[in-house]
Amino acid sequence: MVVGGWVLRPQIVALLCWCALLLAPDTAWSFHTQDDRQTDFSAFTLRRNQLRLGLFQQEAGIANWWTIGTYTAPWVLIPFTGAFNGSVYTKLKLVDLHGFAASLRANYFIFNLRNVNAGDLEEGNFHASVLPLSGTVSYVINPVWTQSFDVTWVETLAHGSGGVKENSAVFGAGLQRTLQLTLSTEVRLSRVVALNFLARYVPWAQAVSFTSDTTAADGTRVWVEGEIEGGDLRHSWMLQAGTTLSWARFNLQLGLGYGDFFVPGIRFVGVNKAPIPDLDFFFRF
């Protein structure tokens, strides 16, 4: 690019654009305002009649203190599983006074898999219900700095049945519980740019318990109860840094973390530590 006889390299142009975002005037209409705050990592909710339509989540503000929503992924699975999958959640802001806010959130996920073939299992059918319950508090320390703390309990119940080679059959159920803590910080650089810092930790995880009723080819039935050690999940953690950019209706969330992967919404935990990218975009109306 040539401007007034000067040659501007693409890197310089990108830097100038970034600076323009940071110096955006306060009169610009954008997401990061005193009334419109990030809701993913805080106790705040959408305002009444507001909508969030995005890649991974859809939300609606029923009242200034009440938001309902759903996650996209379970619904996308329906054509591939041939069965009903879905999610719904509600978030209630109980307190919002002098910069302090507290909320409760309940999520419900339902998953169904049919005709699963894996290893010795043939035509397996599984049903799982996942109920993450969260309590969150946030404090707006000043116009730039907001601190939040979240406690989440994840209850998982699964059961299924299927055929096993040599004309045997198996029926079973499993249960898992985890307690998760999240500390998050939002630093607003302007009305357009906010930095996000996130830390997740699992102080307690119950061993996965299961029951199984097996019928062999000769008609013999065997009832089995057992546990799979949950120590691998205990003390799982993740650290993440990112940014949320907002231009009027459109919002872009980018980040990079390291640690164990916490699946958004459903809050399942993977135990293999690795770099974890974060990408989301949505529109708010």
Protein backbone atom coordinates (compact mmCIF):
# COMPACT_ATOMS: atom_id res chain seq x y z
CA MET A 1 0.00 0.00 0.00
CA VAL A 2 1.32 3.48 -0.94
CA VAL A 3 0.19 6.55 1.02
CA GLY A 4 1.62 9.96 0.24
CA GLY A 5 4.72 8.42 -1.32
CA TRP A 6 5.27 6.10 1.68
CA VAL A 7 5.13 2.33 1.24
CA LEU A 8 3.17 0.66 4.05
CA ARG A 9 3.90 -3.00 4.60
CA PRO A 10 0.93 -5.29 5.43
CA GLN A 11 2.29 -5.78 8.96
CA ILE A 12 2.22 -2.01 9.56
CA VAL A 13 -1.34 -1.74 8.22
CA ALA A 14 -2.46 -4.52 10.58
CA LEU A 15 -0.79 -2.76 13.51
CA LEU A 16 -2.51 0.53 12.68
CA CYS A 17 -5.88 -1.22 12.50
CA TRP A 18 -5.27 -2.84 15.90
CA CYS A 19 -4.37 0.52 17.44
CA ALA A 20 -7.54 2.03 15.98
CA LEU A 21 -9.57 -0.62 17.77
CA LEU A 22 -7.88 0.09 21.08
CA LEU A 23 -8.45 3.84 20.70
CA ALA A 24 -12.07 3.57 19.63
CA PRO A 25 -14.03 6.51 21.06
CA ASP A 26 -16.41 5.98 23.97
CA THR A 27 -19.32 7.10 21.79
CA ALA A 28 -19.01 3.90 19.72
CA TRP A 29 -21.90 1.52 20.30
CA SER A 30 -20.41 -1.81 21.30
CA PHE A 31 -20.76 -4.80 23.60
CA HIS A 32 -18.46 -3.81 26.45
CA THR A 33 -20.58 -1.24 28.30
CA GLN A 34 -21.74 -0.79 31.87
CA ASP A 35 -25.05 -2.51 31.07
CA ASP A 36 -23.92 -5.06 28.46
CA ARG A 37 -21.33 -7.44 29.90
CA GLN A 38 -19.85 -10.79 28.99
CA THR A 39 -22.04 -13.60 30.25
CA ASP A 40 -19.91 -16.69 29.54
CA PHE A 41 -17.53 -16.37 32.49
CA SER A 42 -19.50 -14.16 34.87
CA ALA A 43 -22.69 -13.94 36.93
CA PHE A 44 -24.24 -11.42 34.53
CA THR A 45 -27.13 -12.21 32.18
CA LEU A 46 -28.58 -10.80 28.99
CA ARG A 47 -30.97 -7.93 29.36
CA ARG A 48 -34.68 -8.33 28.67
CA ASN A 49 -35.50 -9.07 25.00
CA GLN A 50 -31.84 -9.42 24.05
CA LEU A 51 -30.80 -12.33 21.81
CA ARG A 52 -27.47 -14.07 21.32
CA LEU A 53 -27.14 -16.14 18.13
CA GLY A 54 -23.79 -17.81 17.69
CA LEU A 55 -21.72 -20.72 16.54
CA PHE A 56 -21.99 -22.75 19.76
CA GLN A 57 -24.75 -21.09 21.85
CA GLN A 58 -28.14 -19.46 21.41
CA GLU A 59 -29.59 -17.34 24.24
CA ALA A 60 -32.59 -15.18 24.97
CA GLY A 61 -33.08 -12.63 27.75
CA ILE A 62 -36.51 -13.21 29.28
CA ALA A 63 -35.95 -10.54 31.93
CA ASN A 64 -32.98 -8.46 33.06
CA TRP A 65 -32.23 -11.21 35.57
CA TRP A 66 -33.25 -14.32 33.60
CA THR A 67 -31.63 -15.92 30.54
CA ILE A 68 -32.50 -19.18 28.79
CA GLY A 69 -30.48 -20.87 26.08
CA THR A 70 -29.18 -23.96 24.34
CA TYR A 71 -25.96 -25.37 22.92
CA THR A 72 -25.77 -26.17 19.22
CA ALA A 73 -23.68 -29.37 19.27
CA PRO A 74 -26.27 -31.85 20.68
CA TRP A 75 -28.84 -30.85 18.05
CA VAL A 76 -26.30 -31.26 15.25
CA LEU A 77 -25.81 -34.89 16.33
CA ILE A 78 -29.43 -35.86 15.58
CA PRO A 79 -28.95 -36.69 11.85
CA PHE A 80 -25.83 -38.74 12.64
CA THR A 81 -27.20 -40.72 15.59
CA GLY A 82 -30.73 -41.27 14.32
CA ALA A 83 -32.02 -40.38 17.80
CA PHE A 84 -32.98 -37.34 19.85
CA ASN A 85 -30.18 -35.25 21.36
CA GLY A 86 -30.55 -31.81 22.85
CA SER A 87 -29.70 -29.28 25.51
CA VAL A 88 -31.33 -26.48 27.46
CA TYR A 89 -30.15 -24.18 30.22
CA THR A 90 -31.41 -21.37 32.39
CA LYS A 91 -29.49 -18.71 34.30
CA LEU A 92 -30.94 -16.61 37.11
CA LYS A 93 -29.18 -13.49 38.39
CA LEU A 94 -30.12 -13.35 42.05
CA VAL A 95 -28.13 -10.25 43.08
CA ASP A 96 -26.89 -7.21 41.14
CA LEU A 97 -25.96 -4.42 43.54
CA HIS A 98 -23.08 -1.94 43.62
CA GLY A 99 -20.97 -3.92 41.16
CA PHE A 100 -21.57 -7.27 42.86
CA ALA A 101 -23.60 -9.96 41.10
CA ALA A 102 -24.50 -13.57 41.95
CA SER A 103 -26.26 -16.12 39.77
CA LEU A 104 -27.35 -19.75 39.54
CA ARG A 105 -27.30 -21.74 36.33
CA ALA A 106 -28.73 -25.18 35.48
CA ASN A 107 -27.83 -27.06 32.28
CA TYR A 108 -29.42 -30.24 30.99
CA PHE A 109 -28.01 -32.36 28.16
CA ILE A 110 -29.49 -35.54 26.72
CA PHE A 111 -27.60 -37.85 24.38
CA ASN A 112 -28.79 -40.99 22.60
CA LEU A 113 -26.66 -43.33 20.49
CA ARG A 114 -28.08 -46.21 18.48
CA ASN A 115 -26.52 -49.19 16.75
CA VAL A 116 -23.03 -48.59 18.11
CA ASN A 117 -20.45 -51.17 17.03
CA ALA A 118 -17.12 -51.05 18.89
CA GLY A 119 -14.81 -53.89 19.83
CA ASP A 120 -16.93 -56.86 20.94
CA LEU A 121 -20.05 -54.71 21.22
CA GLU A 122 -22.63 -55.03 18.47
CA GLU A 123 -25.70 -52.83 17.93
CA GLY A 124 -25.30 -51.04 21.24
CA ASN A 125 -27.84 -48.42 22.33
CA PHE A 126 -26.93 -45.82 24.93
CA HIS A 127 -28.68 -42.98 26.73
CA ALA A 128 -26.90 -40.33 28.81
CA SER A 129 -28.18 -37.39 30.86
CA VAL A 130 -25.75 -34.70 32.04
CA LEU A 131 -26.71 -32.02 34.57
CA PRO A 132 -24.07 -29.32 35.26
CA LEU A 133 -25.19 -26.94 38.06
CA SER A 134 -23.26 -23.71 38.63
CA GLY A 135 -23.15 -20.89 41.15
CA THR A 136 -21.23 -17.78 40.10
CA VAL A 137 -20.28 -14.50 41.79
CA SER A 138 -18.79 -11.47 40.03
CA TYR A 139 -17.47 -8.15 41.25
CA VAL A 140 -16.84 -5.10 39.06
CA ILE A 141 -13.78 -3.68 40.80
CA ASN A 142 -13.61 -0.68 38.48
CA PRO A 143 -14.64 0.13 34.86
CA VAL A 144 -11.64 -1.87 33.61
CA TRP A 145 -11.39 -4.87 35.96
CA THR A 146 -14.04 -7.53 36.71
CA GLN A 147 -13.37 -10.65 38.80
CA SER A 148 -15.56 -13.78 38.82
CA PHE A 149 -15.60 -17.11 40.65
CA ASP A 150 -17.66 -20.15 39.69
CA VAL A 151 -18.43 -23.46 41.42
CA THR A 152 -19.88 -26.20 39.20
CA TRP A 153 -21.22 -29.65 40.09
CA VAL A 154 -21.51 -32.07 37.13
CA GLU A 155 -23.83 -35.06 37.48
CA THR A 156 -23.73 -37.69 34.71
CA LEU A 157 -25.99 -40.73 34.38
CA ALA A 158 -25.70 -43.19 31.49
CA HIS A 159 -27.24 -46.55 30.71
CA GLY A 160 -27.36 -48.80 27.68
CA SER A 161 -27.60 -52.24 26.20
CA GLY A 162 -26.16 -54.18 23.32
CA GLY A 163 -25.16 -57.50 21.89
CA VAL A 164 -21.79 -59.10 22.47
CA LYS A 165 -20.11 -61.62 20.22
CA GLU A 166 -21.01 -65.30 20.68
CA ASN A 167 -24.72 -64.42 21.09
CA SER A 168 -24.35 -62.77 24.48
CA ALA A 169 -26.09 -59.60 25.64
CA VAL A 170 -25.14 -56.88 28.12
CA PHE A 171 -27.19 -54.23 29.93
CA GLY A 172 -25.61 -51.60 32.15
CA ALA A 173 -25.62 -48.14 33.74
CA GLY A 174 -22.91 -45.74 34.86
CA LEU A 175 -22.66 -42.67 37.10
CA GLN A 176 -20.00 -39.97 37.40
CA ARG A 177 -19.74 -36.79 39.48
CA THR A 178 -17.17 -33.96 39.44
CA LEU A 179 -16.71 -30.69 41.32
CA GLN A 180 -15.11 -27.89 39.30
CA LEU A 181 -13.83 -24.42 40.28
CA THR A 182 -13.29 -21.56 37.83
CA LEU A 183 -11.59 -18.21 38.41
CA SER A 184 -11.89 -15.63 35.63
CA THR A 185 -10.74 -12.07 35.09
CA GLU A 186 -11.93 -9.56 32.51
CA VAL A 187 -9.75 -6.54 31.67
CA ARG A 188 -11.35 -3.98 29.36
CA LEU A 189 -8.89 -2.09 27.18
CA SER A 190 -11.64 -0.18 25.39
CA ARG A 191 -15.31 -0.47 24.52
CA VAL A 192 -14.26 -2.84 21.74
CA VAL A 193 -11.49 -4.93 23.28
CA ALA A 194 -11.58 -7.00 26.48
CA LEU A 195 -8.95 -9.46 27.67
CA ASN A 196 -10.06 -12.67 29.41
CA PHE A 197 -7.99 -14.80 31.80
CA LEU A 198 -9.41 -18.16 32.90
CA ALA A 199 -8.30 -20.86 35.35
CA ARG A 200 -10.21 -24.14 35.85
CA TYR A 201 -9.53 -26.83 38.46
CA VAL A 202 -11.13 -30.13 39.55
CA PRO A 203 -10.56 -30.63 43.31
CA TRP A 204 -12.81 -33.71 43.52
CA ALA A 205 -14.05 -36.41 41.17
CA GLN A 206 -16.02 -39.50 42.09
CA ALA A 207 -14.93 -42.81 40.64
CA VAL A 208 -17.15 -43.85 37.78
CA SER A 209 -19.54 -46.47 39.17
CA PHE A 210 -21.39 -48.89 36.95
CA THR A 211 -23.75 -51.85 37.07
CA SER A 212 -24.12 -54.51 34.41
CA ASP A 213 -26.54 -57.37 33.81
CA THR A 214 -25.07 -59.85 31.32
CA THR A 215 -26.86 -62.74 29.65
CA ALA A 216 -24.67 -65.40 28.00
CA ALA A 217 -25.62 -67.63 25.10
CA ASP A 218 -26.62 -70.47 27.46
CA GLY A 219 -29.05 -68.20 29.32
CA THR A 220 -26.79 -67.63 32.34
CA ARG A 221 -27.24 -64.16 33.91
CA VAL A 222 -24.45 -62.42 35.79
CA TRP A 223 -24.92 -59.16 37.78
CA VAL A 224 -21.76 -57.07 38.09
CA GLU A 225 -21.10 -53.91 40.14
CA GLY A 226 -17.83 -52.04 39.99
CA GLU A 227 -15.91 -48.77 39.83
CA ILE A 228 -13.41 -47.18 37.49
CA GLU A 229 -10.91 -45.12 39.45
CA GLY A 230 -11.65 -41.39 39.18
CA GLY A 231 -8.21 -40.20 40.25
CA ASP A 232 -7.27 -39.35 36.68
CA LEU A 233 -9.89 -36.59 36.65
CA ARG A 234 -9.07 -35.30 40.13
CA HIS A 235 -6.70 -32.30 40.07
CA SER A 236 -7.29 -31.66 36.37
CA TRP A 237 -6.65 -28.02 35.45
CA MET A 238 -6.50 -25.54 32.60
CA LEU A 239 -5.14 -22.00 32.18
CA GLN A 240 -6.32 -19.82 29.31
CA ALA A 241 -5.82 -16.27 28.03
CA GLY A 242 -7.87 -14.66 25.30
CA THR A 243 -9.79 -11.66 24.06
CA THR A 244 -13.35 -10.74 23.15
CA LEU A 245 -13.74 -8.19 20.35
CA SER A 246 -17.08 -6.47 19.87
CA TRP A 247 -18.37 -4.33 17.07
CA ALA A 248 -21.97 -3.30 17.61
CA ARG A 249 -23.81 -6.58 16.95
CA PHE A 250 -20.91 -8.90 16.10
CA ASN A 251 -18.62 -10.41 18.74
CA LEU A 252 -15.48 -12.50 18.21
CA GLN A 253 -13.85 -14.53 20.99
CA LEU A 254 -10.29 -15.84 20.60
CA GLY A 255 -7.99 -17.53 23.10
CA LEU A 256 -5.28 -20.06 23.77
CA GLY A 257 -4.79 -22.19 26.85
CA TYR A 258 -2.92 -25.18 28.17
CA GLY A 259 -3.99 -28.05 30.37
CA ASP A 260 -6.85 -30.56 30.43
CA PHE A 261 -9.71 -29.90 28.04
CA PHE A 262 -13.02 -28.85 29.65
CA VAL A 263 -15.83 -29.31 27.13
CA PRO A 264 -17.86 -26.06 27.06
CA GLY A 265 -21.32 -26.33 28.55
CA ILE A 266 -21.31 -30.05 29.32
CA ARG A 267 -18.06 -29.64 31.31
CA PHE A 268 -16.65 -33.10 30.60
CA VAL A 269 -12.93 -33.20 31.35
CA GLY A 270 -10.18 -34.72 29.21
CA VAL A 271 -7.10 -35.86 31.12
CA ASN A 272 -4.44 -35.36 28.44
CA LYS A 273 -2.73 -32.00 28.86
CA ALA A 274 -2.17 -30.11 25.60
CA PRO A 275 -2.49 -26.63 24.05
CA ILE A 276 -6.18 -25.69 23.82
CA PRO A 277 -7.38 -23.09 21.28
CA ASP A 278 -10.59 -21.15 21.87
CA LEU A 279 -12.75 -19.73 19.09
CA ASP A 280 -16.33 -18.49 19.16
CA PHE A 281 -18.38 -15.81 17.42
CA PHE A 282 -21.92 -14.61 17.92
CA PHE A 283 -24.35 -11.79 17.25
CA ARG A 284 -26.23 -9.89 19.94
CA PHE A 285 -29.47 -8.07 19.21
